[in-house]
Amino acid sequence: MTRRRYTGRVMPGHYRRLWPAASAAPFLVPALLMVPLLFVLSVTCLAEPAGVTIDPALTRGPAGAPVTIVEFGDFQCPLCKRTQPVLDQLLKEYRGKVRLVFKNFPLASHPGARPAAEAARCAAARGVFWEYHDLLYLPGTDFSREALIGYAGRLALDREAFAACLDARQFRDEIDADVREGRALGIPGTPTFLINGKPLVGAQPIEAFREAIAEALQSGGK
């Protein structure tokens, strides 16, 4: 399957400054602030940010939409789950103007995230990625092997073929590639969004997305 590359410019000015106010030790930054700070700095230093590979099977919205939202997500991430209704609403409000792209970024702290990501790719190969994606974000999701195969059954997929895909880890390399791209960009955690290249981190309110989308549209979708 042919993949396109998204190379929108990252605009780090969207971020608030993360340095603490002057103190007796003005050059010491609390360790917990270093991860998001490094993300901002790494993005700032990239005149042309690393390309993000886009798989059409993992997109919603028209390919020619003026605004692209790239989501780096984790299926076991509570904040990712919380953001899904916001994304659904945005796709309705900006129908034809926004394209949503999903990138797998399973965190090591979530043991079910990697199997779920690989299962979702097995579903994508059968044309039902978003239906499977939505099942994984329902309340009380079970990430066991049996449950992941069961979700495929709910979508009328062949359970044996799906189990074979999952057990063979057929899409392990694709998940690894997403993670490498995220790390190259300095993605600090999930969910992280790139809106025409501008980073938006965390489970933000819909107003934050609307502001970023409006800015992107005003810039001509570039």
Protein backbone atom coordinates (compact mmCIF):
# COMPACT_ATOMS: atom_id res chain seq x y z
CA MET A 1 0.00 0.00 0.00
CA THR A 2 1.40 3.44 -1.00
CA ARG A 3 2.02 5.76 1.91
CA ARG A 4 2.29 9.51 1.82
CA ARG A 5 4.56 11.57 4.00
CA TYR A 6 3.36 14.50 6.08
CA THR A 7 5.97 17.19 6.51
CA GLY A 8 4.05 20.10 8.00
CA ARG A 9 6.15 22.65 9.86
CA VAL A 10 6.19 22.47 13.63
CA MET A 11 5.48 25.82 15.28
CA PRO A 12 6.67 25.68 18.89
CA GLY A 13 5.41 29.15 19.77
CA HIS A 14 2.12 27.51 20.74
CA TYR A 15 3.71 26.25 23.94
CA ARG A 16 3.89 28.14 27.21
CA ARG A 17 7.37 28.68 28.54
CA LEU A 18 8.25 25.87 30.91
CA TRP A 19 11.13 27.50 32.79
CA PRO A 20 10.31 28.30 36.44
CA ALA A 21 10.49 31.83 37.80
CA ALA A 22 13.83 33.14 38.96
CA SER A 23 14.95 31.78 42.29
CA ALA A 24 18.10 31.23 44.30
CA ALA A 25 18.96 28.44 41.83
CA PRO A 26 17.70 29.87 38.52
CA PHE A 27 19.39 27.26 36.35
CA LEU A 28 17.81 24.24 38.03
CA VAL A 29 14.73 22.84 36.28
CA PRO A 30 12.58 20.31 38.13
CA ALA A 31 13.09 16.86 36.68
CA LEU A 32 9.39 16.41 35.93
CA LEU A 33 9.48 19.41 33.61
CA MET A 34 12.37 18.15 31.54
CA VAL A 35 10.45 15.76 29.29
CA PRO A 36 7.99 18.31 27.86
CA LEU A 37 10.76 20.90 27.74
CA LEU A 38 12.99 18.62 25.69
CA PHE A 39 10.08 17.98 23.33
CA VAL A 40 9.67 21.71 22.73
CA LEU A 41 13.41 22.23 22.27
CA SER A 42 13.79 19.29 19.89
CA VAL A 43 10.91 20.57 17.77
CA THR A 44 12.35 24.08 17.79
CA CYS A 45 15.67 22.84 16.44
CA LEU A 46 14.10 21.10 13.46
CA ALA A 47 13.89 23.52 10.52
CA GLU A 48 12.26 20.70 8.56
CA PRO A 49 10.77 18.24 11.04
CA ALA A 50 11.06 14.52 10.40
CA GLY A 51 8.34 13.24 8.07
CA VAL A 52 5.35 11.39 9.47
CA THR A 53 4.30 8.40 7.39
CA ILE A 54 0.56 8.35 6.77
CA ASP A 55 -1.28 5.10 6.13
CA PRO A 56 -4.61 5.89 4.39
CA ALA A 57 -6.25 3.01 6.31
CA LEU A 58 -5.57 4.88 9.57
CA THR A 59 -7.09 8.20 8.52
CA ARG A 60 -10.48 9.85 8.80
CA GLY A 61 -11.47 12.73 6.58
CA PRO A 62 -10.49 13.66 3.02
CA ALA A 63 -6.87 13.39 1.92
CA GLY A 64 -7.09 16.93 0.54
CA ALA A 65 -8.33 18.52 3.76
CA PRO A 66 -6.53 21.80 4.55
CA VAL A 67 -5.93 20.72 8.16
CA THR A 68 -4.33 17.45 9.25
CA ILE A 69 -4.40 16.34 12.88
CA VAL A 70 -1.83 13.63 13.57
CA GLU A 71 -2.56 11.81 16.83
CA PHE A 72 0.09 9.76 18.60
CA GLY A 73 -2.07 7.52 20.77
CA ASP A 74 -2.05 4.56 23.12
CA PHE A 75 -5.13 2.35 23.41
CA GLN A 76 -4.65 1.84 27.14
CA CYS A 77 -4.13 5.55 27.86
CA PRO A 78 -7.00 7.09 29.89
CA LEU A 79 -6.31 10.56 28.51
CA CYS A 80 -6.45 9.22 24.94
CA LYS A 81 -9.83 7.68 25.70
CA ARG A 82 -11.05 10.97 27.15
CA THR A 83 -10.08 12.83 23.97
CA GLN A 84 -11.98 10.61 21.53
CA PRO A 85 -15.37 12.40 21.85
CA VAL A 86 -13.57 15.69 21.23
CA LEU A 87 -11.99 14.37 18.03
CA ASP A 88 -15.32 12.95 16.86
CA GLN A 89 -16.98 16.34 17.41
CA LEU A 90 -14.22 18.15 15.55
CA LEU A 91 -14.61 15.90 12.51
CA LYS A 92 -18.33 16.77 12.47
CA GLU A 93 -17.81 20.50 12.95
CA TYR A 94 -15.08 20.75 10.33
CA ARG A 95 -16.39 18.16 7.89
CA GLY A 96 -14.26 18.20 4.75
CA LYS A 97 -11.72 20.57 6.31
CA VAL A 98 -9.99 18.26 8.79
CA ARG A 99 -8.26 14.93 8.35
CA LEU A 100 -7.39 12.83 11.41
CA VAL A 101 -4.37 10.52 11.24
CA PHE A 102 -3.71 7.91 13.93
CA LYS A 103 -0.18 6.87 14.86
CA ASN A 104 0.46 4.09 17.37
CA PHE A 105 2.61 5.12 20.31
CA PRO A 106 2.12 2.36 22.95
CA LEU A 107 3.78 3.22 26.24
CA ALA A 108 5.84 0.68 28.16
CA SER A 109 3.81 1.49 31.28
CA HIS A 110 0.68 0.11 29.58
CA PRO A 111 1.20 -3.63 29.00
CA GLY A 112 -1.98 -3.99 26.96
CA ALA A 113 -1.23 -1.14 24.60
CA ARG A 114 1.20 -2.96 22.30
CA PRO A 115 -1.02 -6.04 21.73
CA ALA A 116 -3.98 -3.74 21.16
CA ALA A 117 -2.02 -1.69 18.62
CA GLU A 118 -1.02 -4.82 16.72
CA ALA A 119 -4.60 -6.10 16.85
CA ALA A 120 -5.87 -2.78 15.49
CA ARG A 121 -3.46 -3.10 12.57
CA CYS A 122 -4.80 -6.60 11.90
CA ALA A 123 -8.25 -5.01 11.78
CA ALA A 124 -6.96 -2.27 9.47
CA ALA A 125 -5.75 -4.92 7.03
CA ARG A 126 -9.35 -6.12 6.90
CA GLY A 127 -10.79 -2.63 6.34
CA VAL A 128 -12.22 -1.99 9.81
CA PHE A 129 -9.50 -0.09 11.65
CA TRP A 130 -11.71 2.69 12.97
CA GLU A 131 -14.47 0.34 14.06
CA TYR A 132 -11.91 -1.71 16.01
CA HIS A 133 -10.24 1.48 17.28
CA ASP A 134 -13.57 2.64 18.71
CA LEU A 135 -14.17 -0.69 20.46
CA LEU A 136 -10.78 -0.43 22.16
CA TYR A 137 -11.73 2.94 23.64
CA LEU A 138 -15.03 1.78 25.13
CA PRO A 139 -15.28 1.73 28.95
CA GLY A 140 -13.96 -1.42 30.60
CA THR A 141 -11.86 -2.60 27.67
CA ASP A 142 -10.15 -5.96 28.19
CA PHE A 143 -6.71 -6.23 26.56
CA SER A 144 -6.28 -9.98 26.88
CA ARG A 145 -5.66 -12.04 23.76
CA GLU A 146 -9.10 -13.62 23.99
CA ALA A 147 -10.80 -10.25 24.28
CA LEU A 148 -8.88 -8.75 21.36
CA ILE A 149 -9.98 -11.68 19.20
CA GLY A 150 -13.50 -11.30 20.57
CA TYR A 151 -13.66 -7.68 19.42
CA ALA A 152 -12.78 -8.89 15.92
CA GLY A 153 -15.68 -11.31 16.15
CA ARG A 154 -18.03 -8.45 17.05
CA LEU A 155 -17.05 -6.88 13.73
CA ALA A 156 -17.85 -10.10 11.86
CA LEU A 157 -14.18 -10.82 11.12
CA ASP A 158 -12.90 -14.37 10.81
CA ARG A 159 -11.74 -15.10 14.34
CA GLU A 160 -9.21 -17.78 13.36
CA ALA A 161 -7.58 -15.62 10.70
CA PHE A 162 -7.51 -12.67 13.07
CA ALA A 163 -5.96 -14.79 15.83
CA ALA A 164 -3.29 -15.99 13.39
CA CYS A 165 -2.46 -12.38 12.48
CA LEU A 166 -2.28 -11.39 16.14
CA ASP A 167 -0.23 -14.40 17.25
CA ALA A 168 2.24 -13.98 14.39
CA ARG A 169 2.64 -10.31 15.32
CA GLN A 170 2.22 -9.59 11.65
CA PHE A 171 2.26 -5.80 12.08
CA ARG A 172 4.96 -5.52 14.74
CA ASP A 173 7.26 -3.66 12.35
CA GLU A 174 4.59 -1.07 11.54
CA ILE A 175 4.07 -0.32 15.24
CA ASP A 176 7.84 -0.06 15.72
CA ALA A 177 8.02 2.40 12.83
CA ASP A 178 5.35 4.62 14.41
CA VAL A 179 7.21 4.60 17.71
CA ARG A 180 10.48 5.52 16.00
CA GLU A 181 8.83 8.43 14.25
CA GLY A 182 7.33 9.63 17.51
CA ARG A 183 10.65 9.40 19.30
CA ALA A 184 12.40 11.23 16.47
CA LEU A 185 9.93 14.07 16.95
CA GLY A 186 10.44 14.00 20.72
CA ILE A 187 6.83 13.04 21.45
CA PRO A 188 6.64 13.29 25.28
CA GLY A 189 3.65 11.01 25.89
CA THR A 190 0.09 10.31 24.87
CA PRO A 191 -2.00 11.76 23.55
CA THR A 192 0.11 14.17 21.52
CA PHE A 193 -1.30 15.89 18.46
CA LEU A 194 0.33 17.70 15.55
CA ILE A 195 -2.13 20.10 13.95
CA ASN A 196 -0.56 21.01 10.62
CA GLY A 197 2.67 20.42 12.45
CA LYS A 198 1.87 22.49 15.54
CA PRO A 199 2.08 20.37 18.72
CA LEU A 200 -0.77 20.09 21.20
CA VAL A 201 -0.08 17.79 24.15
CA GLY A 202 -2.52 16.03 26.43
CA ALA A 203 -6.31 15.75 26.77
CA GLN A 204 -7.01 19.33 25.78
CA PRO A 205 -10.50 20.89 25.78
CA ILE A 206 -12.20 21.24 22.43
CA GLU A 207 -11.59 24.98 22.49
CA ALA A 208 -7.83 24.42 22.25
CA PHE A 209 -8.33 22.31 19.13
CA ARG A 210 -10.72 24.84 17.61
CA GLU A 211 -8.17 27.60 18.15
CA ALA A 212 -5.40 25.58 16.52
CA ILE A 213 -7.62 24.58 13.59
CA ALA A 214 -8.76 28.17 13.06
CA GLU A 215 -5.15 29.32 13.02
CA ALA A 216 -4.24 26.62 10.51
CA LEU A 217 -7.17 27.58 8.27
CA GLN A 218 -6.22 31.24 8.45
CA SER A 219 -2.73 30.28 7.36
CA GLY A 220 -4.15 28.73 4.25
CA GLY A 221 -3.90 25.16 5.58
CA LYS A 222 -0.12 25.22 5.22
